[in-house]
Protein backbone atom coordinates (compact mmCIF):
# COMPACT_ATOMS: atom_id res chain seq x y z
CA MET A 1 -0.01 0.04 0.00
CA LEU A 2 1.22 3.55 -0.87
CA ASP A 3 2.13 5.84 2.05
CA GLU A 4 -0.05 8.86 2.30
CA GLN A 5 2.43 11.32 0.70
CA ASP A 6 3.00 8.93 -2.31
CA PHE A 7 -0.70 8.47 -2.65
CA ARG A 8 -1.45 12.19 -2.71
CA LEU A 9 1.24 12.70 -5.39
CA LYS A 10 0.11 9.86 -7.65
CA CYS A 11 -3.53 10.92 -7.15
CA GLU A 12 -2.78 14.61 -7.99
CA ASP A 13 -0.90 13.52 -11.08
CA ALA A 14 -3.60 11.21 -12.26
CA MET A 15 -6.43 13.70 -11.56
CA THR A 16 -4.50 16.47 -13.22
CA ALA A 17 -3.86 14.41 -16.35
CA LEU A 18 -7.54 13.41 -16.45
CA PHE A 19 -8.77 16.82 -16.06
CA LYS A 20 -6.66 18.09 -18.89
CA ALA A 21 -7.80 15.26 -21.20
CA LEU A 22 -11.32 15.96 -20.27
CA ALA A 23 -11.03 19.73 -20.74
CA THR A 24 -9.74 19.13 -24.25
CA ALA A 25 -12.44 16.55 -25.08
CA SER A 26 -15.14 19.06 -23.81
CA ASP A 27 -14.17 21.49 -26.57
CA GLU A 28 -15.74 18.93 -29.06
CA HIS A 29 -18.40 17.28 -26.90
CA ASP A 30 -21.29 18.62 -24.75
CA PHE A 31 -19.97 18.51 -21.17
CA GLU A 32 -18.02 20.52 -18.63
CA ALA A 33 -15.18 19.34 -16.52
CA ASP A 34 -13.93 21.07 -13.27
CA PHE A 35 -11.05 20.27 -10.97
CA ASN A 36 -11.33 22.00 -7.61
CA ASN A 37 -9.98 21.25 -4.15
CA GLY A 38 -8.80 17.82 -5.32
CA THR A 39 -12.12 16.73 -6.66
CA LEU A 40 -12.90 16.37 -10.38
CA THR A 41 -16.43 16.80 -11.65
CA VAL A 42 -17.94 16.25 -15.10
CA GLU A 43 -21.28 17.79 -15.59
CA PHE A 44 -23.83 17.23 -18.54
CA GLU A 45 -26.75 19.39 -19.35
CA GLU A 46 -28.77 16.92 -21.56
CA PRO A 47 -29.47 14.60 -20.12
CA ARG A 48 -28.56 16.19 -16.83
CA ALA A 49 -25.98 14.32 -14.81
CA LYS A 50 -22.86 14.81 -12.80
CA PHE A 51 -19.92 12.52 -12.36
CA VAL A 52 -17.57 12.96 -9.39
CA VAL A 53 -13.97 11.63 -9.02
CA SER A 54 -12.44 12.12 -5.62
CA PRO A 55 -9.45 10.75 -3.64
CA GLN A 56 -10.02 8.86 -0.53
CA THR A 57 -6.72 9.19 1.34
CA PRO A 58 -7.54 6.95 4.39
CA VAL A 59 -8.15 3.88 2.14
CA ARG A 60 -5.77 4.92 -0.57
CA GLN A 61 -8.33 4.79 -3.30
CA VAL A 62 -9.90 6.98 -5.91
CA TRP A 63 -13.61 6.88 -5.85
CA VAL A 64 -15.86 7.52 -8.90
CA SER A 65 -19.54 8.25 -8.86
CA ALA A 66 -21.19 7.91 -12.22
CA HIS A 67 -24.55 6.65 -13.52
CA SER A 68 -25.85 6.15 -9.86
CA ARG A 69 -23.00 3.69 -9.28
CA SER A 70 -19.75 4.05 -7.31
CA PHE A 71 -16.39 2.60 -8.33
CA LYS A 72 -13.33 2.18 -6.11
CA LEU A 73 -9.98 2.25 -7.81
CA ASP A 74 -6.65 1.07 -6.36
CA TRP A 75 -3.10 1.94 -7.32
CA VAL A 76 -1.61 -0.84 -9.38
CA VAL A 77 2.18 -0.59 -9.45
CA THR A 78 2.73 -2.74 -12.63
CA ARG A 79 0.29 -0.58 -14.53
CA GLU A 80 1.40 2.76 -12.86
CA ALA A 81 -2.28 3.73 -12.67
CA PHE A 82 -5.36 3.67 -10.62
CA VAL A 83 -7.25 0.57 -11.72
CA LEU A 84 -10.77 -0.75 -11.14
CA ALA A 85 -10.24 -4.37 -10.17
CA ASP A 86 -13.49 -5.76 -11.59
CA SER A 87 -12.82 -4.57 -15.07
CA GLY A 88 -9.11 -3.84 -15.26
CA GLN A 89 -10.00 -0.29 -16.52
CA THR A 90 -7.70 2.55 -15.63
CA LEU A 91 -9.17 5.72 -14.25
CA ALA A 92 -9.11 7.44 -17.66
CA GLU A 93 -10.52 4.39 -19.42
CA LEU A 94 -13.50 4.15 -16.76
CA ILE A 95 -14.30 7.85 -17.18
CA ALA A 96 -14.03 7.78 -20.93
CA ALA A 97 -16.38 4.79 -21.09
CA HIS A 98 -19.04 6.45 -18.70
CA VAL A 99 -18.78 9.89 -20.53
CA SER A 100 -19.10 8.03 -23.84
CA GLU A 101 -22.18 6.10 -22.60
CA HIS A 102 -23.83 9.21 -21.29
CA LEU A 103 -23.18 11.16 -24.60
CA GLY A 104 -24.05 8.26 -26.84
CA GLU A 105 -20.72 8.84 -28.77
CA THR A 106 -17.36 7.62 -28.31
CA ILE A 107 -14.79 9.99 -26.68
CA SER A 108 -11.11 9.39 -26.33
CA LEU A 109 -9.08 10.69 -23.33
CA PHE A 110 -5.75 9.39 -24.59
């Protein structure tokens, strides 16, 4: 398990990279991304929805709330990424899949 400082650094890097990719994608697609106080939000007007990505330092996980579900991602050293154990998706892959599903069109965050 990562120590707290290492978790915070990896989380900040992952969330910043994800925010930049989402901000770029939002120029071509109908959603807004915001990164404030360590929490990343993705908001849609039609149909109205909000996805939230937040670090959970005590358990060293990144939690995602999207489509009325929650996902808990752990740091996987061999992948150098936060990964959802059930699917093997990285944080960026998970968010891209859910944004794409919501919009009804494929977006890429890579």
